Amino acid sequence: MKPLLLPLLVCLSATAICQSKAPLFKNYQISYFGKSAFHPGIKASASIYESTWSRKQEKRFNVSPMLGVYYHKGNHTGIFAGTEASYRVIYKKGFAWEVYGGVAYLRTFLAGHTYEVDSEGDVSSVPLAGSNQFMPSMGIGFGKQNQQWKKLERVYGRVGGYFQYPYNTTWLPNLNIEVGVSFKTQK
């Protein structure tokens, strides 16, 4: 009975989400993702959970799945997928700041040709050579919340960092910047 409990709970959760008339995604974000600022990439995410409350300022907590890719010329290409949580404070005139953290799976693909030698001394090419890595991230962001346009919710910039593990059996720190926009979903 116990092996069936988790799949049953997942199915019940999916049924509850499907019955809701609210859209699954609260908003969509797309941004330039620069690994070490200068290695270009793109990142997309969509908020699946959003909690808003206010006293003097509006505060929001978001959880968003994310996908991204970047290109480090002459070294590797990275593709990542994960989840990110953010806490944002929005002031009356629209200025906003946020802190965020996330976890992701990072797959890197080496640039150029990679070869391996087997036990008999034969050399062969390795297709799609690279590494599978854990990618925890965190950072801060600033932006402008929009109250005038219908679809554009905000413009923002972020400065952050992430680790790649394992990288030669240790943690490799990386800096990144993001500049992006967020769009509201249709109601």
N, C-alpha and C. Protein backbone atom coordinates (compact mmCIF):
# COMPACT_ATOMS: atom_id res chain seq x y z
N MET A 1 0.81 -1.20 0.00
CA MET A 1 0.00 0.00 0.00
C MET A 1 0.86 1.27 0.00
N LYS A 2 1.97 1.26 0.77
CA LYS A 2 2.82 2.45 0.87
C LYS A 2 3.40 2.88 -0.48
N PRO A 3 3.84 1.96 -1.36
CA PRO A 3 4.37 2.41 -2.65
C PRO A 3 3.34 3.15 -3.50
N LEU A 4 2.06 2.92 -3.26
CA LEU A 4 1.01 3.58 -4.04
C LEU A 4 0.61 4.93 -3.47
N LEU A 5 1.03 5.25 -2.25
CA LEU A 5 0.58 6.47 -1.59
C LEU A 5 1.08 7.73 -2.30
N LEU A 6 2.37 7.81 -2.63
CA LEU A 6 2.90 9.00 -3.29
C LEU A 6 2.27 9.22 -4.67
N PRO A 7 2.19 8.22 -5.55
CA PRO A 7 1.52 8.45 -6.83
C PRO A 7 0.05 8.89 -6.67
N LEU A 8 -0.63 8.33 -5.66
CA LEU A 8 -2.01 8.72 -5.41
C LEU A 8 -2.10 10.19 -5.01
N LEU A 9 -1.21 10.66 -4.13
CA LEU A 9 -1.20 12.06 -3.72
C LEU A 9 -0.88 12.99 -4.89
N VAL A 10 0.06 12.58 -5.75
CA VAL A 10 0.39 13.38 -6.93
C VAL A 10 -0.83 13.49 -7.85
N CYS A 11 -1.54 12.40 -8.07
CA CYS A 11 -2.73 12.43 -8.93
C CYS A 11 -3.82 13.31 -8.34
N LEU A 12 -4.02 13.23 -7.03
CA LEU A 12 -5.02 14.09 -6.38
C LEU A 12 -4.65 15.56 -6.50
N SER A 13 -3.37 15.88 -6.35
CA SER A 13 -2.91 17.27 -6.49
C SER A 13 -3.14 17.76 -7.92
N ALA A 14 -2.81 16.92 -8.90
CA ALA A 14 -3.02 17.30 -10.30
C ALA A 14 -4.49 17.53 -10.59
N THR A 15 -5.35 16.71 -10.02
CA THR A 15 -6.79 16.88 -10.21
C THR A 15 -7.27 18.19 -9.61
N ALA A 16 -6.75 18.54 -8.44
CA ALA A 16 -7.14 19.80 -7.79
C ALA A 16 -6.69 20.99 -8.62
N ILE A 17 -5.47 20.94 -9.18
CA ILE A 17 -4.99 22.04 -10.01
C ILE A 17 -5.83 22.16 -11.27
N CYS A 18 -6.20 21.04 -11.88
CA CYS A 18 -6.98 21.06 -13.11
C CYS A 18 -8.39 21.62 -12.87
N GLN A 19 -8.93 21.47 -11.67
CA GLN A 19 -10.27 21.96 -11.38
C GLN A 19 -10.31 23.46 -11.15
N SER A 20 -9.17 24.06 -10.86
CA SER A 20 -9.12 25.49 -10.59
C SER A 20 -9.33 26.28 -11.88
N LYS A 21 -10.09 27.38 -11.78
CA LYS A 21 -10.30 28.24 -12.95
C LYS A 21 -9.21 29.29 -13.09
N ALA A 22 -8.39 29.44 -12.04
CA ALA A 22 -7.29 30.39 -12.11
C ALA A 22 -6.20 29.84 -13.03
N PRO A 23 -5.49 30.71 -13.74
CA PRO A 23 -4.42 30.21 -14.61
C PRO A 23 -3.31 29.56 -13.77
N LEU A 24 -2.68 28.54 -14.32
CA LEU A 24 -1.62 27.84 -13.62
C LEU A 24 -0.43 28.77 -13.38
N PHE A 25 -0.06 29.56 -14.38
CA PHE A 25 1.06 30.48 -14.26
C PHE A 25 0.54 31.88 -13.98
N LYS A 26 1.13 32.54 -12.96
CA LYS A 26 0.70 33.89 -12.57
C LYS A 26 1.32 34.95 -13.47
N ASN A 27 2.57 34.73 -13.90
CA ASN A 27 3.25 35.63 -14.82
C ASN A 27 4.42 34.88 -15.46
N TYR A 28 4.99 35.48 -16.49
CA TYR A 28 6.11 34.90 -17.22
C TYR A 28 7.26 35.89 -17.21
N GLN A 29 8.47 35.39 -17.08
CA GLN A 29 9.65 36.24 -17.14
C GLN A 29 10.60 35.71 -18.20
N ILE A 30 11.26 36.64 -18.88
CA ILE A 30 12.32 36.28 -19.82
C ILE A 30 13.44 37.28 -19.62
N SER A 31 14.68 36.77 -19.61
CA SER A 31 15.79 37.66 -19.32
C SER A 31 17.07 37.23 -20.05
N TYR A 32 17.94 38.22 -20.22
CA TYR A 32 19.32 37.95 -20.63
C TYR A 32 20.00 37.38 -19.40
N PHE A 33 20.67 36.24 -19.54
CA PHE A 33 21.39 35.62 -18.44
C PHE A 33 22.86 35.60 -18.83
N GLY A 34 23.66 36.43 -18.18
CA GLY A 34 25.08 36.50 -18.50
C GLY A 34 25.92 35.79 -17.46
N LYS A 35 26.48 34.63 -17.83
CA LYS A 35 27.41 33.93 -16.93
C LYS A 35 28.69 34.75 -16.89
N SER A 36 29.14 35.10 -15.71
CA SER A 36 30.29 35.99 -15.53
C SER A 36 30.07 37.29 -16.31
N ALA A 37 28.84 37.67 -16.47
CA ALA A 37 28.37 38.89 -17.15
C ALA A 37 28.55 38.86 -18.66
N PHE A 38 29.61 38.25 -19.17
CA PHE A 38 29.94 38.38 -20.59
C PHE A 38 29.68 37.14 -21.44
N HIS A 39 29.35 36.03 -20.83
CA HIS A 39 29.04 34.83 -21.60
C HIS A 39 27.53 34.78 -21.76
N PRO A 40 27.02 35.06 -22.97
CA PRO A 40 25.59 35.30 -23.16
C PRO A 40 24.71 34.07 -22.99
N GLY A 41 23.50 34.36 -22.52
CA GLY A 41 22.52 33.30 -22.37
C GLY A 41 21.13 33.89 -22.24
N ILE A 42 20.17 33.02 -22.06
CA ILE A 42 18.78 33.43 -21.90
C ILE A 42 18.15 32.54 -20.84
N LYS A 43 17.24 33.13 -20.07
CA LYS A 43 16.55 32.39 -19.02
C LYS A 43 15.07 32.73 -19.07
N ALA A 44 14.23 31.72 -18.91
CA ALA A 44 12.78 31.91 -18.90
C ALA A 44 12.21 31.23 -17.66
N SER A 45 11.20 31.85 -17.06
CA SER A 45 10.54 31.26 -15.89
C SER A 45 9.09 31.70 -15.85
N ALA A 46 8.30 31.02 -15.03
CA ALA A 46 6.88 31.34 -14.88
C ALA A 46 6.47 31.07 -13.44
N SER A 47 5.84 32.04 -12.80
CA SER A 47 5.44 31.88 -11.40
C SER A 47 4.26 30.93 -11.30
N ILE A 48 4.42 29.88 -10.47
CA ILE A 48 3.32 28.95 -10.25
C ILE A 48 2.67 29.18 -8.89
N TYR A 49 3.38 29.91 -8.01
CA TYR A 49 2.81 30.24 -6.72
C TYR A 49 3.19 31.68 -6.41
N GLU A 50 2.21 32.47 -5.99
CA GLU A 50 2.47 33.85 -5.62
C GLU A 50 1.61 34.22 -4.43
N SER A 51 2.25 34.78 -3.42
CA SER A 51 1.54 35.25 -2.23
C SER A 51 1.84 36.73 -2.08
N THR A 52 0.80 37.54 -1.93
CA THR A 52 0.95 38.99 -1.83
C THR A 52 0.31 39.48 -0.53
N TRP A 53 0.98 40.37 0.16
CA TRP A 53 0.43 41.02 1.34
C TRP A 53 1.06 42.41 1.43
N SER A 54 0.47 43.29 2.22
CA SER A 54 1.04 44.63 2.33
C SER A 54 0.70 45.26 3.67
N ARG A 55 1.56 46.14 4.08
CA ARG A 55 1.34 47.06 5.19
C ARG A 55 1.64 48.43 4.62
N LYS A 56 2.90 48.87 4.73
CA LYS A 56 3.29 50.12 4.10
C LYS A 56 3.66 49.89 2.64
N GLN A 57 4.31 48.75 2.36
CA GLN A 57 4.68 48.39 0.99
C GLN A 57 4.05 47.04 0.67
N GLU A 58 3.92 46.82 -0.63
CA GLU A 58 3.43 45.51 -1.08
C GLU A 58 4.59 44.53 -1.05
N LYS A 59 4.34 43.33 -0.56
CA LYS A 59 5.35 42.29 -0.50
C LYS A 59 4.85 41.06 -1.24
N ARG A 60 5.75 40.41 -1.97
CA ARG A 60 5.37 39.22 -2.73
C ARG A 60 6.38 38.12 -2.53
N PHE A 61 5.87 36.91 -2.46
CA PHE A 61 6.70 35.71 -2.42
C PHE A 61 6.30 34.89 -3.64
N ASN A 62 7.28 34.53 -4.47
CA ASN A 62 7.03 33.77 -5.70
C ASN A 62 7.84 32.49 -5.73
N VAL A 63 7.28 31.47 -6.33
CA VAL A 63 8.00 30.24 -6.65
C VAL A 63 7.84 30.01 -8.15
N SER A 64 8.96 29.83 -8.84
CA SER A 64 8.93 29.73 -10.30
C SER A 64 9.85 28.63 -10.83
N PRO A 65 9.34 27.73 -11.67
CA PRO A 65 10.24 26.85 -12.40
C PRO A 65 10.98 27.67 -13.46
N MET A 66 12.21 27.26 -13.79
CA MET A 66 13.01 28.03 -14.75
C MET A 66 13.76 27.11 -15.69
N LEU A 67 14.04 27.65 -16.88
CA LEU A 67 14.87 26.99 -17.89
C LEU A 67 15.84 28.03 -18.43
N GLY A 68 17.07 27.61 -18.73
CA GLY A 68 18.01 28.57 -19.27
C GLY A 68 19.13 27.90 -20.03
N VAL A 69 19.85 28.71 -20.77
CA VAL A 69 20.99 28.25 -21.54
C VAL A 69 22.00 29.40 -21.63
N TYR A 70 23.29 29.08 -21.63
CA TYR A 70 24.33 30.08 -21.85
C TYR A 70 25.45 29.46 -22.67
N TYR A 71 26.28 30.33 -23.26
CA TYR A 71 27.37 29.88 -24.12
C TYR A 71 28.68 30.51 -23.65
N HIS A 72 29.62 29.69 -23.22
CA HIS A 72 30.95 30.14 -22.82
C HIS A 72 31.88 29.79 -23.98
N LYS A 73 32.18 30.78 -24.83
CA LYS A 73 32.92 30.56 -26.06
C LYS A 73 34.24 29.84 -25.83
N GLY A 74 34.46 28.79 -26.63
CA GLY A 74 35.69 28.04 -26.57
C GLY A 74 35.80 27.10 -25.37
N ASN A 75 34.78 27.06 -24.51
CA ASN A 75 34.85 26.22 -23.33
C ASN A 75 33.69 25.24 -23.26
N HIS A 76 32.47 25.76 -23.12
CA HIS A 76 31.30 24.88 -23.01
C HIS A 76 30.00 25.64 -23.23
N THR A 77 28.93 24.88 -23.37
CA THR A 77 27.57 25.41 -23.38
C THR A 77 26.85 24.78 -22.21
N GLY A 78 26.09 25.58 -21.47
CA GLY A 78 25.36 25.08 -20.31
C GLY A 78 23.86 25.20 -20.49
N ILE A 79 23.14 24.17 -20.10
CA ILE A 79 21.68 24.17 -20.12
C ILE A 79 21.23 23.82 -18.70
N PHE A 80 20.31 24.61 -18.15
CA PHE A 80 19.87 24.34 -16.78
C PHE A 80 18.36 24.39 -16.65
N ALA A 81 17.85 23.64 -15.67
CA ALA A 81 16.42 23.60 -15.36
C ALA A 81 16.30 23.45 -13.85
N GLY A 82 15.38 24.22 -13.25
CA GLY A 82 15.22 24.15 -11.80
C GLY A 82 14.07 24.97 -11.30
N THR A 83 14.14 25.33 -10.03
CA THR A 83 13.11 26.12 -9.37
C THR A 83 13.76 27.25 -8.59
N GLU A 84 13.08 28.39 -8.57
CA GLU A 84 13.59 29.57 -7.90
C GLU A 84 12.50 30.17 -7.02
N ALA A 85 12.87 30.68 -5.85
CA ALA A 85 11.93 31.38 -4.97
C ALA A 85 12.45 32.79 -4.75
N SER A 86 11.52 33.77 -4.72
CA SER A 86 11.95 35.15 -4.52
C SER A 86 11.02 35.86 -3.54
N TYR A 87 11.59 36.81 -2.83
CA TYR A 87 10.84 37.68 -1.93
C TYR A 87 11.05 39.10 -2.43
N ARG A 88 9.96 39.80 -2.78
CA ARG A 88 10.03 41.13 -3.40
C ARG A 88 9.27 42.14 -2.57
N VAL A 89 9.83 43.34 -2.43
CA VAL A 89 9.17 44.47 -1.77
C VAL A 89 8.95 45.54 -2.83
N ILE A 90 7.69 46.01 -2.95
CA ILE A 90 7.32 46.99 -3.97
C ILE A 90 6.81 48.25 -3.28
N TYR A 91 7.42 49.40 -3.60
CA TYR A 91 7.03 50.67 -3.00
C TYR A 91 5.94 51.34 -3.84
N LYS A 92 5.33 52.37 -3.29
CA LYS A 92 4.16 53.01 -3.91
C LYS A 92 4.40 53.48 -5.35
N LYS A 93 5.59 54.00 -5.65
CA LYS A 93 5.86 54.50 -7.01
C LYS A 93 6.36 53.41 -7.96
N GLY A 94 6.38 52.17 -7.49
CA GLY A 94 6.74 51.06 -8.38
C GLY A 94 8.15 50.52 -8.23
N PHE A 95 9.04 51.25 -7.52
CA PHE A 95 10.40 50.72 -7.32
C PHE A 95 10.31 49.43 -6.52
N ALA A 96 11.10 48.44 -6.88
CA ALA A 96 11.07 47.16 -6.19
C ALA A 96 12.48 46.62 -6.01
N TRP A 97 12.68 45.92 -4.93
CA TRP A 97 13.91 45.16 -4.71
C TRP A 97 13.52 43.75 -4.32
N GLU A 98 14.43 42.81 -4.53
CA GLU A 98 14.13 41.42 -4.22
C GLU A 98 15.38 40.65 -3.87
N VAL A 99 15.18 39.56 -3.15
CA VAL A 99 16.22 38.56 -2.92
C VAL A 99 15.68 37.25 -3.47
N TYR A 100 16.56 36.42 -3.99
CA TYR A 100 16.10 35.16 -4.55
C TYR A 100 17.12 34.05 -4.30
N GLY A 101 16.64 32.84 -4.38
CA GLY A 101 17.49 31.67 -4.26
C GLY A 101 16.86 30.54 -5.06
N GLY A 102 17.67 29.63 -5.51
CA GLY A 102 17.13 28.53 -6.30
C GLY A 102 18.05 27.34 -6.35
N VAL A 103 17.53 26.27 -6.89
CA VAL A 103 18.31 25.06 -7.15
C VAL A 103 17.98 24.59 -8.56
N ALA A 104 18.99 24.03 -9.22
CA ALA A 104 18.78 23.59 -10.61
C ALA A 104 19.73 22.44 -10.94
N TYR A 105 19.39 21.77 -12.02
CA TYR A 105 20.24 20.76 -12.65
C TYR A 105 20.93 21.46 -13.81
N LEU A 106 22.24 21.39 -13.88
CA LEU A 106 23.02 22.01 -14.95
C LEU A 106 23.73 20.92 -15.75
N ARG A 107 23.55 20.96 -17.05
CA ARG A 107 24.25 20.04 -17.96
C ARG A 107 25.16 20.89 -18.83
N THR A 108 26.45 20.60 -18.79
CA THR A 108 27.40 21.32 -19.64
C THR A 108 27.86 20.40 -20.77
N PHE A 109 28.07 21.00 -21.93
CA PHE A 109 28.57 20.29 -23.11
C PHE A 109 29.88 20.96 -23.52
N LEU A 110 30.96 20.20 -23.56
CA LEU A 110 32.28 20.75 -23.87
C LEU A 110 32.36 21.22 -25.32
N ALA A 111 33.09 22.32 -25.54
CA ALA A 111 33.31 22.83 -26.89
C ALA A 111 34.43 22.01 -27.54
N GLY A 112 34.39 21.87 -28.82
CA GLY A 112 35.44 21.13 -29.52
C GLY A 112 35.22 19.63 -29.47
N HIS A 113 36.22 18.90 -29.92
CA HIS A 113 36.13 17.44 -29.97
C HIS A 113 36.75 16.85 -28.71
N THR A 114 36.13 15.81 -28.18
CA THR A 114 36.64 15.11 -27.00
C THR A 114 36.84 13.65 -27.39
N TYR A 115 37.97 13.10 -26.95
CA TYR A 115 38.30 11.73 -27.28
C TYR A 115 38.59 10.94 -26.01
N GLU A 116 38.41 9.61 -26.11
CA GLU A 116 38.78 8.74 -25.00
C GLU A 116 39.57 7.55 -25.55
N VAL A 117 40.41 7.01 -24.68
CA VAL A 117 41.24 5.85 -25.04
C VAL A 117 40.75 4.68 -24.21
N ASP A 118 40.41 3.58 -24.88
CA ASP A 118 39.95 2.40 -24.13
C ASP A 118 41.13 1.58 -23.64
N SER A 119 40.85 0.48 -22.96
CA SER A 119 41.90 -0.35 -22.34
C SER A 119 42.84 -1.00 -23.36
N GLU A 120 42.39 -1.09 -24.61
CA GLU A 120 43.24 -1.69 -25.65
C GLU A 120 44.03 -0.65 -26.44
N GLY A 121 43.89 0.63 -26.05
CA GLY A 121 44.64 1.68 -26.72
C GLY A 121 43.94 2.30 -27.92
N ASP A 122 42.69 1.91 -28.18
CA ASP A 122 41.94 2.49 -29.30
C ASP A 122 41.34 3.84 -28.88
N VAL A 123 41.43 4.80 -29.79
CA VAL A 123 40.92 6.15 -29.54
C VAL A 123 39.58 6.30 -30.24
N SER A 124 38.60 6.84 -29.50
CA SER A 124 37.29 7.09 -30.11
C SER A 124 36.75 8.44 -29.66
N SER A 125 35.92 9.01 -30.50
CA SER A 125 35.30 10.30 -30.20
C SER A 125 34.16 10.12 -29.19
N VAL A 126 34.00 11.09 -28.28
CA VAL A 126 32.93 11.05 -27.29
C VAL A 126 31.85 12.05 -27.72
N PRO A 127 30.67 11.58 -28.10
CA PRO A 127 29.61 12.52 -28.50
C PRO A 127 29.00 13.19 -27.27
N LEU A 128 28.68 14.46 -27.37
CA LEU A 128 28.04 15.24 -26.31
C LEU A 128 28.77 15.14 -24.97
N ALA A 129 30.09 15.26 -24.99
CA ALA A 129 30.89 15.18 -23.77
C ALA A 129 30.59 16.38 -22.88
N GLY A 130 30.52 16.15 -21.60
CA GLY A 130 30.25 17.22 -20.66
C GLY A 130 30.01 16.68 -19.27
N SER A 131 29.36 17.46 -18.44
CA SER A 131 29.14 17.08 -17.04
C SER A 131 27.70 17.35 -16.61
N ASN A 132 27.24 16.57 -15.64
CA ASN A 132 25.97 16.80 -14.97
C ASN A 132 26.30 17.41 -13.62
N GLN A 133 25.68 18.55 -13.29
CA GLN A 133 26.05 19.25 -12.07
C GLN A 133 24.84 19.81 -11.33
N PHE A 134 25.02 20.00 -10.03
CA PHE A 134 24.06 20.64 -9.16
C PHE A 134 24.35 22.14 -9.20
N MET A 135 23.31 22.98 -9.26
CA MET A 135 23.48 24.42 -9.45
C MET A 135 22.64 25.21 -8.44
N PRO A 136 23.08 25.39 -7.19
CA PRO A 136 22.37 26.27 -6.27
C PRO A 136 22.71 27.73 -6.58
N SER A 137 21.74 28.63 -6.46
CA SER A 137 21.97 30.04 -6.81
C SER A 137 21.31 30.97 -5.79
N MET A 138 21.79 32.22 -5.77
CA MET A 138 21.18 33.26 -4.94
C MET A 138 21.62 34.62 -5.45
N GLY A 139 20.86 35.66 -5.08
CA GLY A 139 21.22 36.99 -5.52
C GLY A 139 20.21 38.03 -5.08
N ILE A 140 20.42 39.25 -5.58
CA ILE A 140 19.53 40.37 -5.30
C ILE A 140 19.11 40.99 -6.63
N GLY A 141 17.98 41.68 -6.61
CA GLY A 141 17.48 42.31 -7.83
C GLY A 141 16.80 43.63 -7.53
N PHE A 142 16.74 44.48 -8.55
CA PHE A 142 16.07 45.77 -8.47
C PHE A 142 15.25 45.94 -9.72
N GLY A 143 14.15 46.66 -9.62
CA GLY A 143 13.32 46.84 -10.80
C GLY A 143 12.26 47.89 -10.62
N LYS A 144 11.42 47.99 -11.63
CA LYS A 144 10.31 48.93 -11.64
C LYS A 144 9.05 48.16 -11.95
N GLN A 145 8.13 48.17 -11.01
CA GLN A 145 6.84 47.53 -11.18
C GLN A 145 5.98 48.47 -12.03
N ASN A 146 5.24 47.94 -12.96
CA ASN A 146 4.47 48.77 -13.89
C ASN A 146 3.00 48.75 -13.52
N GLN A 147 2.40 49.92 -13.41
CA GLN A 147 0.97 50.00 -13.14
C GLN A 147 0.19 50.53 -14.35
N GLN A 148 0.87 50.93 -15.42
CA GLN A 148 0.20 51.59 -16.53
C GLN A 148 -0.08 50.69 -17.73
N TRP A 149 0.86 49.82 -18.10
CA TRP A 149 0.67 48.99 -19.27
C TRP A 149 -0.16 47.77 -18.92
N LYS A 150 -0.84 47.23 -19.88
CA LYS A 150 -1.75 46.12 -19.61
C LYS A 150 -1.03 44.80 -19.38
N LYS A 151 -0.06 44.46 -20.21
CA LYS A 151 0.57 43.14 -20.12
C LYS A 151 1.92 43.15 -19.40
N LEU A 152 2.73 44.20 -19.61
CA LEU A 152 4.06 44.24 -19.01
C LEU A 152 3.94 44.52 -17.52
N GLU A 153 4.39 43.57 -16.71
CA GLU A 153 4.27 43.71 -15.26
C GLU A 153 5.44 44.48 -14.65
N ARG A 154 6.68 44.16 -15.08
CA ARG A 154 7.84 44.84 -14.53
C ARG A 154 9.06 44.65 -15.41
N VAL A 155 10.04 45.52 -15.21
CA VAL A 155 11.37 45.38 -15.79
C VAL A 155 12.32 45.25 -14.60
N TYR A 156 13.38 44.46 -14.75
CA TYR A 156 14.24 44.21 -13.60
C TYR A 156 15.66 43.89 -14.02
N GLY A 157 16.54 44.02 -13.07
CA GLY A 157 17.93 43.60 -13.21
C GLY A 157 18.31 42.84 -11.95
N ARG A 158 19.17 41.85 -12.11
CA ARG A 158 19.61 41.02 -10.98
C ARG A 158 21.11 40.81 -11.03
N VAL A 159 21.71 40.74 -9.87
CA VAL A 159 23.12 40.37 -9.73
C VAL A 159 23.14 39.19 -8.78
N GLY A 160 23.79 38.13 -9.18
CA GLY A 160 23.78 36.95 -8.34
C GLY A 160 24.97 36.05 -8.59
N GLY A 161 24.86 34.89 -8.02
CA GLY A 161 25.90 33.90 -8.20
C GLY A 161 25.33 32.51 -8.07
N TYR A 162 26.09 31.56 -8.57
CA TYR A 162 25.70 30.16 -8.43
C TYR A 162 26.95 29.30 -8.35
N PHE A 163 26.77 28.10 -7.87
CA PHE A 163 27.85 27.14 -7.77
C PHE A 163 27.59 25.99 -8.73
N GLN A 164 28.67 25.42 -9.25
CA GLN A 164 28.61 24.19 -10.03
C GLN A 164 29.25 23.10 -9.18
N TYR A 165 28.53 22.01 -8.96
CA TYR A 165 29.10 20.91 -8.19
C TYR A 165 28.67 19.58 -8.80
N PRO A 166 29.54 18.65 -9.03
CA PRO A 166 30.97 18.71 -8.77
C PRO A 166 31.71 19.32 -9.96
N TYR A 167 32.73 20.07 -9.67
CA TYR A 167 33.64 20.61 -10.68
C TYR A 167 35.04 20.21 -10.22
N ASN A 168 35.62 19.22 -10.84
CA ASN A 168 36.91 18.64 -10.40
C ASN A 168 36.85 18.31 -8.91
N THR A 169 35.79 17.69 -8.48
CA THR A 169 35.52 17.24 -7.11
C THR A 169 35.33 18.38 -6.10
N THR A 170 35.10 19.60 -6.54
CA THR A 170 34.87 20.70 -5.63
C THR A 170 33.75 21.60 -6.16
N TRP A 171 33.46 22.69 -5.46
CA TRP A 171 32.42 23.66 -5.85
C TRP A 171 33.06 24.78 -6.66
N LEU A 172 32.51 25.10 -7.82
CA LEU A 172 33.02 26.20 -8.65
C LEU A 172 32.04 27.38 -8.54
N PRO A 173 32.46 28.52 -7.97
CA PRO A 173 31.57 29.68 -7.89
C PRO A 173 31.56 30.45 -9.22
N ASN A 174 30.39 30.98 -9.58
CA ASN A 174 30.21 31.78 -10.79
C ASN A 174 29.37 33.01 -10.45
N LEU A 175 29.64 34.12 -11.09
CA LEU A 175 28.80 35.30 -10.98
C LEU A 175 27.91 35.37 -12.21
N ASN A 176 26.74 35.98 -12.06
CA ASN A 176 25.87 36.17 -13.22
C ASN A 176 25.07 37.45 -13.07
N ILE A 177 24.65 37.98 -14.21
CA ILE A 177 23.73 39.12 -14.21
C ILE A 177 22.52 38.74 -15.06
N GLU A 178 21.41 39.38 -14.74
CA GLU A 178 20.19 39.20 -15.51
C GLU A 178 19.56 40.56 -15.76
N VAL A 179 19.02 40.74 -16.93
CA VAL A 179 18.21 41.91 -17.26
C VAL A 179 17.00 41.37 -17.98
N GLY A 180 15.79 41.64 -17.43
CA GLY A 180 14.63 41.01 -18.02
C GLY A 180 13.33 41.77 -17.84
N VAL A 181 12.28 41.14 -18.35
CA VAL A 181 10.92 41.67 -18.25
C VAL A 181 9.99 40.57 -17.78
N SER A 182 8.89 40.98 -17.15
CA SER A 182 7.88 40.05 -16.67
C SER A 182 6.54 40.44 -17.26
N PHE A 183 5.78 39.46 -17.73
CA PHE A 183 4.48 39.70 -18.34
C PHE A 183 3.39 39.05 -17.51
N LYS A 184 2.24 39.71 -17.41
CA LYS A 184 1.09 39.16 -16.70
C LYS A 184 0.40 38.12 -17.58
N THR A 185 -0.26 37.18 -16.93
CA THR A 185 -1.07 36.23 -17.68
C THR A 185 -2.44 36.84 -17.93
N GLN A 186 -3.15 36.30 -18.90
CA GLN A 186 -4.50 36.75 -19.20
C GLN A 186 -5.43 36.36 -18.06
N LYS A 187 -6.34 37.20 -17.70
CA LYS A 187 -7.33 36.87 -16.67
C LYS A 187 -8.64 36.52 -17.32
